[in-house]
Protein backbone atom coordinates (compact mmCIF):
# COMPACT_ATOMS: atom_id res chain seq x y z
CA MET A 1 -0.09 8.41 -19.03
CA GLU A 2 -0.81 4.95 -20.41
CA ILE A 3 1.59 2.02 -19.99
CA HIS A 4 1.22 -1.30 -21.79
CA ILE A 5 3.26 -4.30 -20.59
CA THR A 6 3.82 -7.11 -23.06
CA GLU A 7 2.71 -10.59 -22.02
CA GLN A 8 6.30 -11.86 -21.80
CA ALA A 9 7.46 -8.90 -19.70
CA ALA A 10 4.40 -9.16 -17.43
CA GLY A 11 5.20 -12.82 -16.74
CA LYS A 12 8.79 -12.09 -15.73
CA LEU A 13 7.80 -9.05 -13.66
CA SER A 14 5.04 -10.96 -11.85
CA ASP A 15 7.62 -13.53 -10.75
CA LYS A 16 9.59 -10.72 -9.04
CA LEU A 17 6.61 -9.02 -7.37
CA GLY A 18 4.37 -10.10 -4.53
CA GLY A 19 4.54 -9.98 -0.78
CA GLY A 20 4.11 -6.20 -0.52
CA LYS A 21 6.40 -5.30 -3.43
CA TYR A 22 5.65 -2.58 -5.97
CA LEU A 23 6.95 -1.84 -9.46
CA LYS A 24 8.19 1.70 -10.02
CA LEU A 25 9.37 3.36 -13.23
CA TYR A 26 12.16 5.65 -12.05
CA TYR A 27 14.07 8.28 -14.04
CA ASP A 28 17.59 7.86 -12.63
CA THR A 29 19.70 11.03 -12.97
CA GLU A 30 22.55 10.01 -10.66
CA GLY A 31 25.88 10.30 -12.48
CA CYS A 32 24.24 11.70 -15.63
CA GLY A 33 25.54 15.25 -15.16
CA CYS A 34 22.30 17.22 -15.11
CA GLY A 35 18.87 16.85 -13.54
CA VAL A 36 17.16 16.53 -16.92
CA ASN A 37 19.55 13.88 -18.26
CA GLY A 38 18.67 10.44 -17.00
CA ILE A 39 17.99 6.80 -17.69
CA PRO A 40 14.61 5.12 -17.14
CA THR A 41 14.97 2.20 -14.74
CA LEU A 42 12.54 -0.26 -13.18
CA TRP A 43 12.62 -0.48 -9.41
CA ILE A 44 11.12 -3.17 -7.21
CA THR A 45 10.37 -1.46 -3.93
CA THR A 46 8.51 -2.14 -0.71
CA GLU A 47 7.39 1.49 -0.31
CA VAL A 48 5.32 3.89 -2.35
CA SER A 49 6.08 7.58 -1.76
CA ALA A 50 3.44 10.26 -1.30
CA GLY A 51 4.60 11.84 -4.59
CA ASP A 52 4.14 8.63 -6.60
CA VAL A 53 1.26 8.25 -9.04
CA GLU A 54 -0.26 4.82 -9.61
CA ILE A 55 -0.62 3.95 -13.30
CA GLN A 56 -2.98 1.07 -14.04
CA THR A 57 -1.62 -1.04 -16.90
CA ASN A 58 -3.03 -4.03 -18.72
CA ALA A 59 -1.10 -6.33 -16.34
CA MET A 60 -0.23 -4.61 -13.03
CA SER A 61 0.15 -1.24 -11.35
CA VAL A 62 3.28 0.78 -12.07
CA TYR A 63 4.21 3.77 -9.90
CA VAL A 64 5.87 6.90 -11.27
CA GLU A 65 7.03 9.97 -9.36
CA LYS A 66 4.71 12.80 -10.36
CA SER A 67 7.68 15.15 -10.85
CA GLN A 68 9.28 12.68 -13.30
CA MET A 69 6.22 12.16 -15.52
CA LEU A 70 7.31 15.00 -17.82
CA PHE A 71 10.22 12.84 -19.05
CA TYR A 72 7.87 10.24 -20.55
CA ALA A 73 5.49 10.14 -23.51
CA ASP A 74 1.76 9.73 -22.92
CA ARG A 75 1.86 6.13 -24.22
CA LEU A 76 4.63 3.73 -23.18
CA THR A 77 5.33 0.04 -23.63
CA ILE A 78 7.44 -2.15 -21.37
CA GLY A 79 8.70 -5.28 -23.12
CA LEU A 80 11.52 -7.78 -22.81
CA SER A 81 14.98 -7.13 -24.24
CA GLY A 82 16.93 -10.35 -23.96
CA ALA A 83 16.82 -12.62 -20.94
CA ASN A 84 17.58 -10.11 -18.17
CA HIS A 85 16.59 -6.66 -19.43
CA TYR A 86 13.46 -4.76 -20.37
CA ARG A 87 12.78 -2.22 -23.11
CA LEU A 88 10.84 1.00 -22.55
CA SER A 89 9.45 2.50 -25.73
CA SER A 90 6.89 4.99 -26.94
CA PRO A 91 5.28 5.08 -30.39
CA GLY A 92 8.06 7.43 -31.56
CA GLU A 93 11.22 6.15 -29.88
CA ILE A 94 12.99 3.65 -27.67
CA LEU A 95 13.64 5.36 -24.34
CA ASN A 96 15.80 2.55 -22.94
CA GLY A 97 16.53 -0.59 -24.94
CA ARG A 98 18.25 -2.44 -22.07
CA MET A 99 16.46 -1.25 -18.95
CA ASN A 100 17.66 -2.77 -15.69
CA ILE A 101 15.43 -3.86 -12.86
CA VAL A 102 16.77 -2.89 -9.43
CA ASN A 103 15.69 -4.06 -5.98
CA HIS A 104 15.30 -0.76 -4.13
CA SER A 105 13.98 -0.84 -0.59
């Protein structure tokens, strides 16, 4: 899996990270009805789980649960979508055009 983070998104994300915080791309299925229906979300967390895989990007590391990697394309881009949201896209589609960032500890 390859993740590219746009310069603008990297700047905003860097402001939120530091001091032992990690960025995680999480496929949130809570309230979506079925385990394969979900919404990609960015988490800021202080812990990395044993099942998380570190993805080196052009700007920073992003962690993804190994079991959730099947929900994503091989090439992804994280960019800004307005002032307070991010957009996750692949070459073929927009996976989440208004992705939230959640503090999850």
